[in-house]
PDB file of N, CA and C in Angstrom:
ATOM      1  N   MET A   1       0.843  -1.157   0.000  1.00  0.00           N
ATOM      2  CA  MET A   1       0.000   0.000   0.000  1.00  0.00           C
ATOM      3  C   MET A   1       0.899   1.233   0.000  1.00  0.00           C
ATOM      4  N   SER A   2       0.804   2.053  -1.010  1.00  0.00           N
ATOM      5  CA  SER A   2       1.677   3.219  -1.082  1.00  0.00           C
ATOM      6  C   SER A   2       0.909   4.449  -0.637  1.00  0.00           C
ATOM      7  N   ASP A   3       1.603   5.309   0.070  1.00  0.00           N
ATOM      8  CA  ASP A   3       1.010   6.545   0.577  1.00  0.00           C
ATOM      9  C   ASP A   3       1.815   7.705   0.002  1.00  0.00           C
ATOM     10  N   ASP A   4       1.131   8.624  -0.685  1.00  0.00           N
ATOM     11  CA  ASP A   4       1.829   9.729  -1.339  1.00  0.00           C
ATOM     12  C   ASP A   4       2.039  10.923  -0.426  1.00  0.00           C
ATOM     13  N   ARG A   5       1.529  10.857   0.806  1.00  0.00           N
ATOM     14  CA  ARG A   5       1.713  11.981   1.725  1.00  0.00           C
ATOM     15  C   ARG A   5       3.151  12.023   2.226  1.00  0.00           C
ATOM     16  N   PRO A   6       3.695  13.225   2.391  1.00  0.00           N
ATOM     17  CA  PRO A   6       5.048  13.310   2.948  1.00  0.00           C
ATOM     18  C   PRO A   6       5.033  12.860   4.411  1.00  0.00           C
ATOM     19  N   GLU A   7       6.080  12.191   4.796  1.00  0.00           N
ATOM     20  CA  GLU A   7       6.165  11.662   6.157  1.00  0.00           C
ATOM     21  C   GLU A   7       6.529  12.780   7.118  1.00  0.00           C
ATOM     22  N   ARG A   8       5.680  12.966   8.150  1.00  0.00           N
ATOM     23  CA  ARG A   8       5.921  13.996   9.156  1.00  0.00           C
ATOM     24  C   ARG A   8       6.415  13.330  10.429  1.00  0.00           C
ATOM     25  N   PRO A   9       7.290  13.985  11.171  1.00  0.00           N
ATOM     26  CA  PRO A   9       7.748  13.405  12.426  1.00  0.00           C
ATOM     27  C   PRO A   9       6.631  13.420  13.464  1.00  0.00           C
ATOM     28  N   PHE A  10       6.596  12.388  14.291  1.00  0.00           N
ATOM     29  CA  PHE A  10       5.594  12.298  15.347  1.00  0.00           C
ATOM     30  C   PHE A  10       5.871  13.317  16.439  1.00  0.00           C
ATOM     31  N   LEU A  11       7.134  13.557  16.715  1.00  0.00           N
ATOM     32  CA  LEU A  11       7.547  14.459  17.782  1.00  0.00           C
ATOM     33  C   LEU A  11       8.614  15.384  17.234  1.00  0.00           C
ATOM     34  N   GLN A  12       8.469  16.666  17.500  1.00  0.00           N
ATOM     35  CA  GLN A  12       9.429  17.634  16.993  1.00  0.00           C
ATOM     36  C   GLN A  12       9.838  18.560  18.134  1.00  0.00           C
ATOM     37  N   ILE A  13      11.127  18.707  18.354  1.00  0.00           N
ATOM     38  CA  ILE A  13      11.662  19.609  19.366  1.00  0.00           C
ATOM     39  C   ILE A  13      11.820  20.968  18.702  1.00  0.00           C
ATOM     40  N   VAL A  14      11.128  21.978  19.230  1.00  0.00           N
ATOM     41  CA  VAL A  14      11.157  23.288  18.583  1.00  0.00           C
ATOM     42  C   VAL A  14      12.056  24.286  19.290  1.00  0.00           C
ATOM     43  N   ARG A  15      12.443  24.006  20.520  1.00  0.00           N
ATOM     44  CA  ARG A  15      13.291  24.947  21.241  1.00  0.00           C
ATOM     45  C   ARG A  15      14.232  24.162  22.147  1.00  0.00           C
ATOM     46  N   GLY A  16      15.464  24.598  22.230  1.00  0.00           N
ATOM     47  CA  GLY A  16      16.445  23.969  23.103  1.00  0.00           C
ATOM     48  C   GLY A  16      17.118  22.781  22.441  1.00  0.00           C
ATOM     49  N   GLU A  17      18.038  22.198  23.175  1.00  0.00           N
ATOM     50  CA  GLU A  17      18.766  21.034  22.681  1.00  0.00           C
ATOM     51  C   GLU A  17      18.743  19.956  23.758  1.00  0.00           C
ATOM     52  N   PRO A  18      17.663  19.145  23.803  1.00  0.00           N
ATOM     53  CA  PRO A  18      17.576  18.110  24.836  1.00  0.00           C
ATOM     54  C   PRO A  18      18.563  16.974  24.563  1.00  0.00           C
ATOM     55  N   SER A  19      18.972  16.343  25.647  1.00  0.00           N
ATOM     56  CA  SER A  19      19.864  15.188  25.499  1.00  0.00           C
ATOM     57  C   SER A  19      19.039  13.981  25.062  1.00  0.00           C
ATOM     58  N   ALA A  20      19.724  12.941  24.684  1.00  0.00           N
ATOM     59  CA  ALA A  20      19.042  11.714  24.258  1.00  0.00           C
ATOM     60  C   ALA A  20      18.214  11.127  25.395  1.00  0.00           C
ATOM     61  N   GLU A  21      18.698  11.250  26.634  1.00  0.00           N
ATOM     62  CA  GLU A  21      17.965  10.728  27.787  1.00  0.00           C
ATOM     63  C   GLU A  21      16.668  11.498  28.008  1.00  0.00           C
ATOM     64  N   GLU A  22      16.699  12.813  27.819  1.00  0.00           N
ATOM     65  CA  GLU A  22      15.504  13.628  27.993  1.00  0.00           C
ATOM     66  C   GLU A  22      14.445  13.302  26.932  1.00  0.00           C
ATOM     67  N   VAL A  23      14.888  13.094  25.710  1.00  0.00           N
ATOM     68  CA  VAL A  23      13.951  12.729  24.649  1.00  0.00           C
ATOM     69  C   VAL A  23      13.372  11.345  24.929  1.00  0.00           C
ATOM     70  N   ALA A  24      14.206  10.426  25.390  1.00  0.00           N
ATOM     71  CA  ALA A  24      13.734   9.078  25.706  1.00  0.00           C
ATOM     72  C   ALA A  24      12.720   9.110  26.842  1.00  0.00           C
ATOM     73  N   ALA A  25      12.944   9.951  27.856  1.00  0.00           N
ATOM     74  CA  ALA A  25      11.996  10.061  28.964  1.00  0.00           C
ATOM     75  C   ALA A  25      10.662  10.621  28.466  1.00  0.00           C
ATOM     76  N   LEU A  26      10.707  11.606  27.606  1.00  0.00           N
ATOM     77  CA  LEU A  26       9.486  12.188  27.058  1.00  0.00           C
ATOM     78  C   LEU A  26       8.710  11.155  26.238  1.00  0.00           C
ATOM     79  N   VAL A  27       9.404  10.406  25.425  1.00  0.00           N
ATOM     80  CA  VAL A  27       8.755   9.376  24.610  1.00  0.00           C
ATOM     81  C   VAL A  27       8.148   8.296  25.508  1.00  0.00           C
ATOM     82  N   ALA A  28       8.841   7.928  26.584  1.00  0.00           N
ATOM     83  CA  ALA A  28       8.313   6.914  27.497  1.00  0.00           C
ATOM     84  C   ALA A  28       7.031   7.392  28.169  1.00  0.00           C
ATOM     85  N   VAL A  29       7.000   8.645  28.583  1.00  0.00           N
ATOM     86  CA  VAL A  29       5.796   9.194  29.231  1.00  0.00           C
ATOM     87  C   VAL A  29       4.640   9.246  28.240  1.00  0.00           C
ATOM     88  N   LEU A  30       4.888   9.728  27.040  1.00  0.00           N
ATOM     89  CA  LEU A  30       3.825   9.807  26.037  1.00  0.00           C
ATOM     90  C   LEU A  30       3.308   8.425  25.658  1.00  0.00           C
ATOM     91  N   THR A  31       4.193   7.445  25.576  1.00  0.00           N
ATOM     92  CA  THR A  31       3.783   6.082  25.262  1.00  0.00           C
ATOM     93  C   THR A  31       2.928   5.498  26.376  1.00  0.00           C
ATOM     94  N   ALA A  32       3.331   5.715  27.626  1.00  0.00           N
ATOM     95  CA  ALA A  32       2.561   5.195  28.756  1.00  0.00           C
ATOM     96  C   ALA A  32       1.170   5.826  28.800  1.00  0.00           C
ATOM     97  N   ARG A  33       1.085   7.118  28.549  1.00  0.00           N
ATOM     98  CA  ARG A  33      -0.231   7.783  28.555  1.00  0.00           C
ATOM     99  C   ARG A  33      -1.103   7.283  27.411  1.00  0.00           C
ATOM    100  N   ALA A  34      -0.506   7.061  26.255  1.00  0.00           N
ATOM    101  CA  ALA A  34      -1.280   6.564  25.115  1.00  0.00           C
ATOM    102  C   ALA A  34      -1.806   5.158  25.390  1.00  0.00           C
ATOM    103  N   ARG A  35      -0.991   4.315  26.001  1.00  0.00           N
ATOM    104  CA  ARG A  35      -1.439   2.955  26.330  1.00  0.00           C
ATOM    105  C   ARG A  35      -2.543   2.975  27.377  1.00  0.00           C
ATOM    106  N   ALA A  36      -2.411   3.827  28.395  1.00  0.00           N
ATOM    107  CA  ALA A  36      -3.446   3.929  29.425  1.00  0.00           C
ATOM    108  C   ALA A  36      -4.750   4.436  28.821  1.00  0.00           C
ATOM    109  N   SER A  37      -4.651   5.382  27.925  1.00  0.00           N
ATOM    110  CA  SER A  37      -5.845   5.907  27.260  1.00  0.00           C
ATOM    111  C   SER A  37      -6.507   4.824  26.406  1.00  0.00           C
ATOM    112  N   ALA A  38      -5.703   4.049  25.699  1.00  0.00           N
ATOM    113  CA  ALA A  38      -6.250   2.982  24.864  1.00  0.00           C
ATOM    114  C   ALA A  38      -6.924   1.913  25.726  1.00  0.00           C
ATOM    115  N   GLN A  39      -6.340   1.575  26.862  1.00  0.00           N
ATOM    116  CA  GLN A  39      -6.950   0.585  27.750  1.00  0.00           C
ATOM    117  C   GLN A  39      -8.267   1.100  28.310  1.00  0.00           C
ATOM    118  N   ALA A  40      -8.318   2.376  28.674  1.00  0.00           N
ATOM    119  CA  ALA A  40      -9.549   2.953  29.201  1.00  0.00           C
ATOM    120  C   ALA A  40     -10.627   2.996  28.115  1.00  0.00           C
ATOM    121  N   ARG A  41     -10.223   3.280  26.907  1.00  0.00           N
ATOM    122  CA  ARG A  41     -11.167   3.336  25.796  1.00  0.00           C
ATOM    123  C   ARG A  41     -11.701   1.954  25.466  1.00  0.00           C
ATOM    124  N   ASP A  42     -10.859   0.928  25.581  1.00  0.00           N
ATOM    125  CA  ASP A  42     -11.269  -0.436  25.260  1.00  0.00           C
ATOM    126  C   ASP A  42     -12.128  -1.057  26.358  1.00  0.00           C
ATOM    127  N   GLY A  43     -12.234  -0.362  27.474  1.00  0.00           N
ATOM    128  CA  GLY A  43     -13.058  -0.876  28.559  1.00  0.00           C
ATOM    129  C   GLY A  43     -12.342  -1.892  29.427  1.00  0.00           C
ATOM    130  N   ALA A  44     -11.046  -1.861  29.440  1.00  0.00           N
ATOM    131  CA  ALA A  44     -10.299  -2.780  30.284  1.00  0.00           C
ATOM    132  C   ALA A  44     -10.589  -2.436  31.741  1.00  0.00           C
ATOM    133  N   ASP A  45     -11.190  -3.364  32.448  1.00  0.00           N
ATOM    134  CA  ASP A  45     -11.555  -3.119  33.837  1.00  0.00           C
ATOM    135  C   ASP A  45     -10.338  -3.209  34.730  1.00  0.00           C
ATOM    136  N   THR A  46     -10.216  -2.216  35.576  1.00  0.00           N
ATOM    137  CA  THR A  46      -9.160  -2.265  36.574  1.00  0.00           C
ATOM    138  C   THR A  46      -9.747  -2.914  37.818  1.00  0.00           C
ATOM    139  N   PRO A  47      -8.998  -3.725  38.493  1.00  0.00           N
ATOM    140  CA  PRO A  47      -9.550  -4.385  39.675  1.00  0.00           C
ATOM    141  C   PRO A  47      -9.859  -3.372  40.761  1.00  0.00           C
ATOM    142  N   ARG A  48     -11.019  -3.519  41.373  1.00  0.00           N
ATOM    143  CA  ARG A  48     -11.392  -2.636  42.474  1.00  0.00           C
ATOM    144  C   ARG A  48     -10.584  -3.001  43.694  1.00  0.00           C
ATOM    145  N   PRO A  49     -10.265  -2.015  44.524  1.00  0.00           N
ATOM    146  CA  PRO A  49      -9.525  -2.338  45.744  1.00  0.00           C
ATOM    147  C   PRO A  49     -10.395  -3.159  46.689  1.00  0.00           C
ATOM    148  N   SER A  50      -9.742  -3.897  47.571  1.00  0.00           N
ATOM    149  CA  SER A  50     -10.499  -4.670  48.546  1.00  0.00           C
ATOM    150  C   SER A  50     -11.257  -3.727  49.469  1.00  0.00           C
ATOM    151  N   HIS A  51     -12.197  -4.263  50.208  1.00  0.00           N
ATOM    152  CA  HIS A  51     -12.994  -3.425  51.102  1.00  0.00           C
ATOM    153  C   HIS A  51     -12.106  -2.746  52.138  1.00  0.00           C
ATOM    154  N   TRP A  52     -11.061  -3.420  52.573  1.00  0.00           N
ATOM    155  CA  TRP A  52     -10.173  -2.840  53.577  1.00  0.00           C
ATOM    156  C   TRP A  52      -9.358  -1.693  53.002  1.00  0.00           C
ATOM    157  N   ALA A  53      -9.001  -1.769  51.727  1.00  0.00           N
ATOM    158  CA  ALA A  53      -8.191  -0.722  51.100  1.00  0.00           C
ATOM    159  C   ALA A  53      -9.043   0.405  50.528  1.00  0.00           C
ATOM    160  N   ASP A  54     -10.357   0.191  50.394  1.00  0.00           N
ATOM    161  CA  ASP A  54     -11.231   1.192  49.810  1.00  0.00           C
ATOM    162  C   ASP A  54     -11.476   2.306  50.823  1.00  0.00           C
ATOM    163  N   ARG A  55     -10.980   3.500  50.530  1.00  0.00           N
ATOM    164  CA  ARG A  55     -11.079   4.602  51.481  1.00  0.00           C
ATOM    165  C   ARG A  55     -12.464   5.252  51.480  1.00  0.00           C
ATOM    166  N   SER A  56     -13.308   4.904  50.520  1.00  0.00           N
ATOM    167  CA  SER A  56     -14.642   5.494  50.504  1.00  0.00           C
ATOM    168  C   SER A  56     -15.475   5.023  51.692  1.00  0.00           C
ATOM    169  N   ARG A  57     -15.108   3.923  52.306  1.00  0.00           N
ATOM    170  CA  ARG A  57     -15.869   3.446  53.464  1.00  0.00           C
ATOM    171  C   ARG A  57     -15.666   4.352  54.670  1.00  0.00           C
ATOM    172  N   LEU A  58     -14.643   5.217  54.638  1.00  0.00           N
ATOM    173  CA  LEU A  58     -14.392   6.123  55.742  1.00  0.00           C
ATOM    174  C   LEU A  58     -15.238   7.399  55.665  1.00  0.00           C
ATOM    175  N   VAL A  59     -15.872   7.613  54.523  1.00  0.00           N
ATOM    176  CA  VAL A  59     -16.669   8.815  54.335  1.00  0.00           C
ATOM    177  C   VAL A  59     -18.011   8.640  55.041  1.00  0.00           C
ATOM    178  N   ARG A  60     -18.420   9.644  55.755  1.00  0.00           N
ATOM    179  CA  ARG A  60     -19.709   9.568  56.436  1.00  0.00           C
ATOM    180  C   ARG A  60     -20.838   9.721  55.437  1.00  0.00           C
ATOM    181  N   GLY A  61     -22.037   9.475  55.884  1.00  0.00           N
ATOM    182  CA  GLY A  61     -23.209   9.584  55.027  1.00  0.00           C
ATOM    183  C   GLY A  61     -23.547  11.028  54.718  1.00  0.00           C
ATOM    184  N   THR A  62     -24.703  11.230  54.178  1.00  0.00           N
ATOM    185  CA  THR A  62     -25.151  12.580  53.826  1.00  0.00           C
ATOM    186  C   THR A  62     -25.485  13.361  55.091  1.00  0.00           C
ATOM    187  N   ALA A  63     -25.736  14.631  54.942  1.00  0.00           N
ATOM    188  CA  ALA A  63     -26.066  15.475  56.089  1.00  0.00           C
ATOM    189  C   ALA A  63     -27.373  15.030  56.732  1.00  0.00           C
ATOM    190  N   ALA A  64     -28.319  14.567  55.924  1.00  0.00           N
ATOM    191  CA  ALA A  64     -29.592  14.100  56.464  1.00  0.00           C
ATOM    192  C   ALA A  64     -29.387  12.869  57.352  1.00  0.00           C
ATOM    193  N   GLU A  65     -28.470  12.013  56.965  1.00  0.00           N
ATOM    194  CA  GLU A  65     -28.191  10.825  57.774  1.00  0.00           C
ATOM    195  C   GLU A  65     -27.442  11.195  59.048  1.00  0.00           C
ATOM    196  N   ALA A  66     -26.659  12.254  58.987  1.00  0.00           N
ATOM    197  CA  ALA A  66     -25.856  12.643  60.141  1.00  0.00           C
ATOM    198  C   ALA A  66     -26.720  13.219  61.261  1.00  0.00           C
ATOM    199  N   ILE A  67     -27.845  13.835  60.911  1.00  0.00           N
ATOM    200  CA  ILE A  67     -28.689  14.444  61.940  1.00  0.00           C
ATOM    201  C   ILE A  67     -29.948  13.619  62.192  1.00  0.00           C
ATOM    202  N   ALA A  68     -29.967  12.372  61.770  1.00  0.00           N
ATOM    203  CA  ALA A  68     -31.161  11.541  61.865  1.00  0.00           C
ATOM    204  C   ALA A  68     -31.663  11.343  63.298  1.00  0.00           C
ATOM    205  N   PRO A  69     -30.822  11.005  64.294  1.00  0.00           N
ATOM    206  CA  PRO A  69     -31.379  10.770  65.626  1.00  0.00           C
ATOM    207  C   PRO A  69     -31.904  12.060  66.250  1.00  0.00           C
ATOM    208  N   ARG A  70     -33.218  12.097  66.529  1.00  0.00           N
ATOM    209  CA  ARG A  70     -33.856  13.251  67.155  1.00  0.00           C
ATOM    210  C   ARG A  70     -34.908  12.751  68.124  1.00  0.00           C
ATOM    211  N   GLY A  71     -35.293  13.621  69.001  1.00  0.00           N
ATOM    212  CA  GLY A  71     -36.384  13.312  69.908  1.00  0.00           C
ATOM    213  C   GLY A  71     -35.947  12.478  71.099  1.00  0.00           C
ATOM    214  N   PRO A  72     -36.930  11.914  71.814  1.00  0.00           N
ATOM    215  CA  PRO A  72     -36.624  11.123  72.999  1.00  0.00           C
ATOM    216  C   PRO A  72     -35.754   9.915  72.632  1.00  0.00           C
ATOM    217  N   GLY A  73     -34.713   9.686  73.383  1.00  0.00           N
ATOM    218  CA  GLY A  73     -33.822   8.559  73.142  1.00  0.00           C
ATOM    219  C   GLY A  73     -32.784   8.819  72.070  1.00  0.00           C
ATOM    220  N   ALA A  74     -32.692  10.061  71.574  1.00  0.00           N
ATOM    221  CA  ALA A  74     -31.736  10.367  70.523  1.00  0.00           C
ATOM    222  C   ALA A  74     -30.311  10.200  71.002  1.00  0.00           C
ATOM    223  N   TRP A  75     -30.075  10.520  72.266  1.00  0.00           N
ATOM    224  CA  TRP A  75     -28.724  10.393  72.803  1.00  0.00           C
ATOM    225  C   TRP A  75     -28.284   8.926  72.751  1.00  0.00           C
ATOM    226  N   LYS A  76     -29.229   8.020  72.985  1.00  0.00           N
ATOM    227  CA  LYS A  76     -28.915   6.592  72.964  1.00  0.00           C
ATOM    228  C   LYS A  76     -28.744   6.102  71.515  1.00  0.00           C
ATOM    229  N   ALA A  77     -29.607   6.586  70.612  1.00  0.00           N
ATOM    230  CA  ALA A  77     -29.524   6.168  69.211  1.00  0.00           C
ATOM    231  C   ALA A  77     -28.261   6.694  68.540  1.00  0.00           C
ATOM    232  N   ALA A  78     -27.753   7.826  69.002  1.00  0.00           N
ATOM    233  CA  ALA A  78     -26.548   8.392  68.395  1.00  0.00           C
ATOM    234  C   ALA A  78     -25.327   7.510  68.650  1.00  0.00           C
ATOM    235  N   ALA A  79     -25.342   6.757  69.726  1.00  0.00           N
ATOM    236  CA  ALA A  79     -24.205   5.918  70.059  1.00  0.00           C
ATOM    237  C   ALA A  79     -24.270   4.553  69.371  1.00  0.00           C
ATOM    238  N   LEU A  80     -25.457   4.176  68.893  1.00  0.00           N
ATOM    239  CA  LEU A  80     -25.622   2.868  68.263  1.00  0.00           C
ATOM    240  C   LEU A  80     -25.210   2.922  66.802  1.00  0.00           C
ATOM    241  N   PRO A  81     -24.681   1.815  66.282  1.00  0.00           N
ATOM    242  CA  PRO A  81     -24.316   1.798  64.862  1.00  0.00           C
ATOM    243  C   PRO A  81     -25.578   1.837  63.989  1.00  0.00           C
ATOM    244  N   ARG A  82     -25.457   2.415  62.831  1.00  0.00           N
ATOM    245  CA  ARG A  82     -26.607   2.525  61.911  1.00  0.00           C
ATOM    246  C   ARG A  82     -26.556   1.464  60.868  1.00  0.00           C
TER     247      ARG A  82
END
């Protein structure tokens, strides 16, 4: 398959004179981001953290849930788990 378009560079340094290591680091970062984006686009599921590692369990409920115990016996209900 022949392509008549002129070949353009994927990456072009427009200012400064980076070393080979700096260019390699930049290419590695761009490659890693492109692969992560492709995996996210393909729907590759990442494993969910275990319940012990999931920090969302430390978040309290909504404000309505926080003020739920009212009236007689509220002091006792506030100490009980919900």
